[in-house]
Amino acid sequence: MKNLLGLEYEYKEAVPDTDRANATPEVLDFSELKIPVELHTQLKGATELYQITEIETALQKLEQSSDDGRALAEHLQAYVAKYDMEGILEILGKVNND
């Protein structure tokens, strides 16, 4: 087709994938983070039951609760995107919930 129509193709360079789900999460000291007990319980229960919608709802509340909550919620989004419930539970086990 190129020869018949006398076309010349231009190619773009590949753009690196910067998708949040593929990004390596920032390292946080989870033992230093403090989140409300109610949100910790809600998030842990939803994660144990693989309830993605409930997890996302809890993460939205967590983002609004405090700076620690916002940092943790942003970090956990990558795990939710990969359906890594075990990773979420491991992190929640380290978080201080007063």
Protein backbone atom coordinates (compact mmCIF):
# COMPACT_ATOMS: atom_id res chain seq x y z
CA MET A 1 0.00 0.00 0.00
CA LYS A 2 2.89 2.31 0.81
CA ASN A 3 4.28 1.94 -2.72
CA LEU A 4 0.90 2.17 -4.47
CA LEU A 5 -0.12 5.40 -2.78
CA GLY A 6 3.35 6.87 -2.44
CA LEU A 7 2.97 7.16 1.33
CA GLU A 8 5.70 7.72 3.83
CA TYR A 9 5.02 6.71 7.42
CA GLU A 10 6.18 8.67 10.43
CA TYR A 11 6.70 6.84 13.71
CA LYS A 12 6.57 8.27 17.19
CA GLU A 13 8.97 7.24 19.88
CA ALA A 14 7.54 4.98 22.54
CA VAL A 15 6.42 6.83 25.65
CA PRO A 16 7.32 5.14 28.94
CA ASP A 17 4.34 3.78 30.86
CA THR A 18 3.76 5.99 33.89
CA ASP A 19 0.52 4.36 34.94
CA ARG A 20 0.02 4.56 38.70
CA ALA A 21 -0.84 0.89 38.99
CA ASN A 22 2.55 -0.07 37.53
CA ALA A 23 4.55 2.41 39.57
CA THR A 24 6.65 1.21 42.47
CA PRO A 25 4.97 2.47 45.63
CA GLU A 26 6.91 4.96 47.73
CA VAL A 27 8.45 3.40 50.83
CA LEU A 28 6.72 4.52 54.03
CA ASP A 29 7.33 3.68 57.68
CA PHE A 30 3.90 2.25 58.40
CA SER A 31 4.50 1.99 62.14
CA GLU A 32 4.69 5.81 62.24
CA LEU A 33 1.29 6.28 60.55
CA LYS A 34 -1.81 6.71 62.70
CA ILE A 35 -5.33 6.15 61.40
CA PRO A 36 -8.71 5.94 63.15
CA VAL A 37 -9.69 2.51 64.49
CA GLU A 38 -13.02 2.59 62.61
CA LEU A 39 -11.32 3.10 59.25
CA HIS A 40 -8.68 0.47 60.01
CA THR A 41 -11.41 -2.04 60.90
CA GLN A 42 -13.50 -1.17 57.83
CA LEU A 43 -10.53 -1.41 55.50
CA LYS A 44 -9.24 -4.65 57.00
CA GLY A 45 -12.67 -6.32 56.87
CA ALA A 46 -13.28 -5.28 53.25
CA THR A 47 -9.81 -6.46 52.26
CA GLU A 48 -10.23 -9.86 53.91
CA LEU A 49 -13.45 -10.34 51.92
CA TYR A 50 -12.00 -8.93 48.64
CA GLN A 51 -14.70 -6.23 48.54
CA ILE A 52 -13.06 -3.79 46.13
CA THR A 53 -15.87 -1.21 46.24
CA GLU A 54 -15.77 -1.17 50.04
CA ILE A 55 -11.99 -0.87 50.01
CA GLU A 56 -12.19 2.10 47.65
CA THR A 57 -14.84 3.73 49.84
CA ALA A 58 -12.67 3.25 52.93
CA LEU A 59 -9.64 4.67 51.10
CA GLN A 60 -11.62 7.78 50.16
CA LYS A 61 -12.54 8.30 53.83
CA LEU A 62 -8.94 7.61 54.81
CA GLU A 63 -7.66 10.29 52.40
CA GLN A 64 -9.92 12.85 54.08
CA SER A 65 -9.10 11.84 57.64
CA SER A 66 -5.53 13.17 58.02
CA ASP A 67 -2.14 13.57 56.35
CA ASP A 68 -1.21 10.06 57.50
CA GLY A 69 -4.46 8.75 56.09
CA ARG A 70 -3.85 10.47 52.77
CA ALA A 71 -0.32 9.04 52.49
CA LEU A 72 -1.50 5.54 53.34
CA ALA A 73 -4.49 5.70 50.98
CA GLU A 74 -2.29 6.83 48.10
CA HIS A 75 0.15 4.02 48.84
CA LEU A 76 -2.58 1.36 49.03
CA GLN A 77 -4.16 2.42 45.71
CA ALA A 78 -1.35 0.62 43.85
CA TYR A 79 -2.13 -2.57 45.76
CA VAL A 80 -5.85 -2.30 45.03
CA ALA A 81 -5.13 -1.80 41.33
CA LYS A 82 -3.16 -5.07 41.34
CA TYR A 83 -5.75 -6.85 43.55
CA ASP A 84 -2.98 -7.52 46.08
CA MET A 85 -5.15 -8.04 49.15
CA GLU A 86 -2.38 -9.89 51.02
CA GLY A 87 -0.11 -6.88 50.55
CA ILE A 88 -2.79 -4.55 51.90
CA LEU A 89 -3.36 -6.77 54.94
CA GLU A 90 0.37 -6.92 55.61
CA ILE A 91 0.61 -3.13 55.56
CA LEU A 92 -2.49 -2.73 57.76
CA GLY A 93 -0.84 -5.04 60.29
CA LYS A 94 1.98 -2.51 60.67
CA VAL A 95 -0.16 0.64 60.89
CA ASN A 96 -0.83 2.27 64.27
CA ASN A 97 -4.60 2.51 64.76
CA ASP A 98 -5.47 4.67 67.76
